């Protein structure tokens, strides 16, 4: 699950400025948000009910991941459109990609 976020095909698409390709990879080509949600909910459901603090932390951690993921998806979507000047979104995208990956890694660590 986490490995998909540092797959060479995704990182290359971002560093080469192929934001349309990166957006498609994030929307089911390489990464499936629905599959991640299903797997995350299964991990959270495996946490015993008596460990409600851990359930809460895992749920909040996953929500944080989703916020980062949505931000990355929105950045790829907007960067793929033609624009007149402005800053190069590649560094922002790579930074956000790292935050997405780290937040998912933290969720998995908490949930297990």
C-alpha atoms as a PDB file:
ATOM      1  CA  UNK A   1       0.000   0.000   0.000  1.00  0.00           C
ATOM      2  CA  UNK A   2       2.647   2.539   1.058  1.00  0.00           C
ATOM      3  CA  UNK A   3       5.066   1.455  -1.660  1.00  0.00           C
ATOM      4  CA  UNK A   4       2.794   2.763  -4.418  1.00  0.00           C
ATOM      5  CA  UNK A   5       3.465   6.352  -3.380  1.00  0.00           C
ATOM      6  CA  UNK A   6       7.168   6.121  -4.143  1.00  0.00           C
ATOM      7  CA  UNK A   7       6.802   4.023  -7.280  1.00  0.00           C
ATOM      8  CA  UNK A   8       9.234   5.289  -9.931  1.00  0.00           C
ATOM      9  CA  UNK A   9       6.432   5.772 -12.456  1.00  0.00           C
ATOM     10  CA  UNK A  10       4.635   8.240 -10.143  1.00  0.00           C
ATOM     11  CA  UNK A  11       7.770  10.072  -9.001  1.00  0.00           C
ATOM     12  CA  UNK A  12       9.003  10.318 -12.610  1.00  0.00           C
ATOM     13  CA  UNK A  13       5.661  11.686 -13.802  1.00  0.00           C
ATOM     14  CA  UNK A  14       5.845  14.434 -11.173  1.00  0.00           C
ATOM     15  CA  UNK A  15       9.513  15.317 -11.669  1.00  0.00           C
ATOM     16  CA  UNK A  16       9.051  15.435 -15.439  1.00  0.00           C
ATOM     17  CA  UNK A  17       6.031  17.711 -15.080  1.00  0.00           C
ATOM     18  CA  UNK A  18       3.582  15.154 -16.506  1.00  0.00           C
ATOM     19  CA  UNK A  19       0.884  16.120 -14.035  1.00  0.00           C
ATOM     20  CA  UNK A  20      -1.975  14.681 -16.085  1.00  0.00           C
ATOM     21  CA  UNK A  21      -0.255  11.285 -15.963  1.00  0.00           C
ATOM     22  CA  UNK A  22       0.405  11.689 -12.229  1.00  0.00           C
ATOM     23  CA  UNK A  23      -3.237  12.585 -11.651  1.00  0.00           C
ATOM     24  CA  UNK A  24      -4.387   9.472 -13.528  1.00  0.00           C
ATOM     25  CA  UNK A  25      -1.989   7.316 -11.486  1.00  0.00           C
ATOM     26  CA  UNK A  26      -3.451   8.749  -8.276  1.00  0.00           C
ATOM     27  CA  UNK A  27      -7.009   8.169  -9.473  1.00  0.00           C
ATOM     28  CA  UNK A  28      -6.839   4.424  -9.972  1.00  0.00           C
ATOM     29  CA  UNK A  29      -4.018   3.804 -12.416  1.00  0.00           C
ATOM     30  CA  UNK A  30      -1.514   2.923  -9.690  1.00  0.00           C
ATOM     31  CA  UNK A  31      -3.266   3.890  -6.487  1.00  0.00           C
ATOM     32  CA  UNK A  32      -6.885   3.196  -5.629  1.00  0.00           C
ATOM     33  CA  UNK A  33      -8.296   5.369  -2.864  1.00  0.00           C
ATOM     34  CA  UNK A  34     -11.235   2.997  -2.457  1.00  0.00           C
ATOM     35  CA  UNK A  35      -8.915   0.003  -1.956  1.00  0.00           C
ATOM     36  CA  UNK A  36      -6.854   2.001   0.537  1.00  0.00           C
ATOM     37  CA  UNK A  37     -10.041   2.929   2.428  1.00  0.00           C
ATOM     38  CA  UNK A  38     -11.195  -0.706   2.502  1.00  0.00           C
ATOM     39  CA  UNK A  39      -7.802  -1.903   3.767  1.00  0.00           C
ATOM     40  CA  UNK A  40      -7.634   0.900   6.349  1.00  0.00           C
ATOM     41  CA  UNK A  41     -11.104   0.178   7.668  1.00  0.00           C
ATOM     42  CA  UNK A  42     -10.209  -3.515   7.931  1.00  0.00           C
ATOM     43  CA  UNK A  43      -7.096  -2.629   9.952  1.00  0.00           C
ATOM     44  CA  UNK A  44      -9.094  -0.353  12.239  1.00  0.00           C
ATOM     45  CA  UNK A  45     -11.779  -3.038  12.686  1.00  0.00           C
ATOM     46  CA  UNK A  46      -9.104  -5.520  13.807  1.00  0.00           C
ATOM     47  CA  UNK A  47      -8.198  -3.324  16.780  1.00  0.00           C
ATOM     48  CA  UNK A  48      -9.924  -4.789  19.858  1.00  0.00           C
ATOM     49  CA  UNK A  49     -12.845  -2.718  21.170  1.00  0.00           C
ATOM     50  CA  UNK A  50     -11.208  -2.421  24.568  1.00  0.00           C
ATOM     51  CA  UNK A  51      -8.378  -0.491  22.899  1.00  0.00           C
ATOM     52  CA  UNK A  52     -10.610   2.437  22.026  1.00  0.00           C
ATOM     53  CA  UNK A  53      -7.732   4.940  22.324  1.00  0.00           C
ATOM     54  CA  UNK A  54      -5.834   3.030  19.661  1.00  0.00           C
ATOM     55  CA  UNK A  55      -8.953   2.898  17.459  1.00  0.00           C
ATOM     56  CA  UNK A  56      -9.342   6.651  17.808  1.00  0.00           C
ATOM     57  CA  UNK A  57      -5.666   7.338  17.023  1.00  0.00           C
ATOM     58  CA  UNK A  58      -5.779   5.057  13.998  1.00  0.00           C
ATOM     59  CA  UNK A  59      -8.965   6.693  12.697  1.00  0.00           C
ATOM     60  CA  UNK A  60      -7.540  10.191  13.156  1.00  0.00           C
ATOM     61  CA  UNK A  61      -4.279   9.152  11.547  1.00  0.00           C
ATOM     62  CA  UNK A  62      -6.139   7.804   8.533  1.00  0.00           C
ATOM     63  CA  UNK A  63      -8.169  11.009   8.266  1.00  0.00           C
ATOM     64  CA  UNK A  64      -4.886  12.937   8.192  1.00  0.00           C
ATOM     65  CA  UNK A  65      -3.639  10.702   5.379  1.00  0.00           C
ATOM     66  CA  UNK A  66      -6.852  11.335   3.411  1.00  0.00           C
ATOM     67  CA  UNK A  67      -6.402  15.112   3.809  1.00  0.00           C
ATOM     68  CA  UNK A  68      -2.854  14.896   2.439  1.00  0.00           C
ATOM     69  CA  UNK A  69      -3.945  12.546  -0.340  1.00  0.00           C
ATOM     70  CA  UNK A  70      -6.803  14.857  -1.348  1.00  0.00           C
ATOM     71  CA  UNK A  71      -4.383  17.795  -1.345  1.00  0.00           C
ATOM     72  CA  UNK A  72      -1.955  15.928  -3.588  1.00  0.00           C
ATOM     73  CA  UNK A  73      -4.766  14.886  -5.910  1.00  0.00           C
ATOM     74  CA  UNK A  74      -6.034  18.480  -6.139  1.00  0.00           C
ATOM     75  CA  UNK A  75      -2.507  19.764  -6.803  1.00  0.00           C
ATOM     76  CA  UNK A  76      -2.009  17.240  -9.619  1.00  0.00           C
ATOM     77  CA  UNK A  77      -5.394  18.136 -11.085  1.00  0.00           C
ATOM     78  CA  UNK A  78      -4.717  21.879 -11.093  1.00  0.00           C
ATOM     79  CA  UNK A  79      -1.095  21.499 -12.245  1.00  0.00           C
ATOM     80  CA  UNK A  80      -2.222  19.442 -15.241  1.00  0.00           C
ATOM     81  CA  UNK A  81      -4.182  22.411 -16.600  1.00  0.00           C
ATOM     82  CA  UNK A  82      -2.436  25.033 -18.723  1.00  0.00           C
ATOM     83  CA  UNK A  83      -1.597  28.202 -16.841  1.00  0.00           C
ATOM     84  CA  UNK A  84       0.125  31.457 -17.603  1.00  0.00           C
ATOM     85  CA  UNK A  85       3.341  31.521 -15.597  1.00  0.00           C
ATOM     86  CA  UNK A  86       3.631  31.126 -11.881  1.00  0.00           C
ATOM     87  CA  UNK A  87       5.748  28.779  -9.874  1.00  0.00           C
ATOM     88  CA  UNK A  88       6.771  25.280 -10.846  1.00  0.00           C
ATOM     89  CA  UNK A  89       4.521  22.880  -8.888  1.00  0.00           C
ATOM     90  CA  UNK A  90       6.943  19.929  -9.056  1.00  0.00           C
ATOM     91  CA  UNK A  91       8.712  20.604  -5.744  1.00  0.00           C
ATOM     92  CA  UNK A  92       5.414  21.195  -3.954  1.00  0.00           C
ATOM     93  CA  UNK A  93       4.061  17.974  -5.446  1.00  0.00           C
ATOM     94  CA  UNK A  94       7.097  15.925  -4.413  1.00  0.00           C
ATOM     95  CA  UNK A  95       6.976  17.390  -0.899  1.00  0.00           C
ATOM     96  CA  UNK A  96       3.277  16.612  -0.607  1.00  0.00           C
ATOM     97  CA  UNK A  97       3.850  13.119  -2.009  1.00  0.00           C
ATOM     98  CA  UNK A  98       6.333  12.529   0.822  1.00  0.00           C
ATOM     99  CA  UNK A  99       3.808  13.774   3.380  1.00  0.00           C
ATOM    100  CA  UNK A 100       1.124  11.482   1.929  1.00  0.00           C
ATOM    101  CA  UNK A 101       3.451   8.497   2.132  1.00  0.00           C
ATOM    102  CA  UNK A 102       4.598   9.329   5.668  1.00  0.00           C
ATOM    103  CA  UNK A 103       1.037   9.851   6.925  1.00  0.00           C
ATOM    104  CA  UNK A 104      -0.028   6.478   5.495  1.00  0.00           C
ATOM    105  CA  UNK A 105       3.037   4.825   7.017  1.00  0.00           C
ATOM    106  CA  UNK A 106       2.157   6.382  10.414  1.00  0.00           C
ATOM    107  CA  UNK A 107      -1.430   5.133  10.132  1.00  0.00           C
ATOM    108  CA  UNK A 108      -0.273   1.575   9.410  1.00  0.00           C
ATOM    109  CA  UNK A 109       2.161   1.730  12.344  1.00  0.00           C
ATOM    110  CA  UNK A 110      -0.573   2.920  14.711  1.00  0.00           C
ATOM    111  CA  UNK A 111      -3.190   0.460  13.458  1.00  0.00           C
ATOM    112  CA  UNK A 112      -0.985  -2.638  13.715  1.00  0.00           C
END
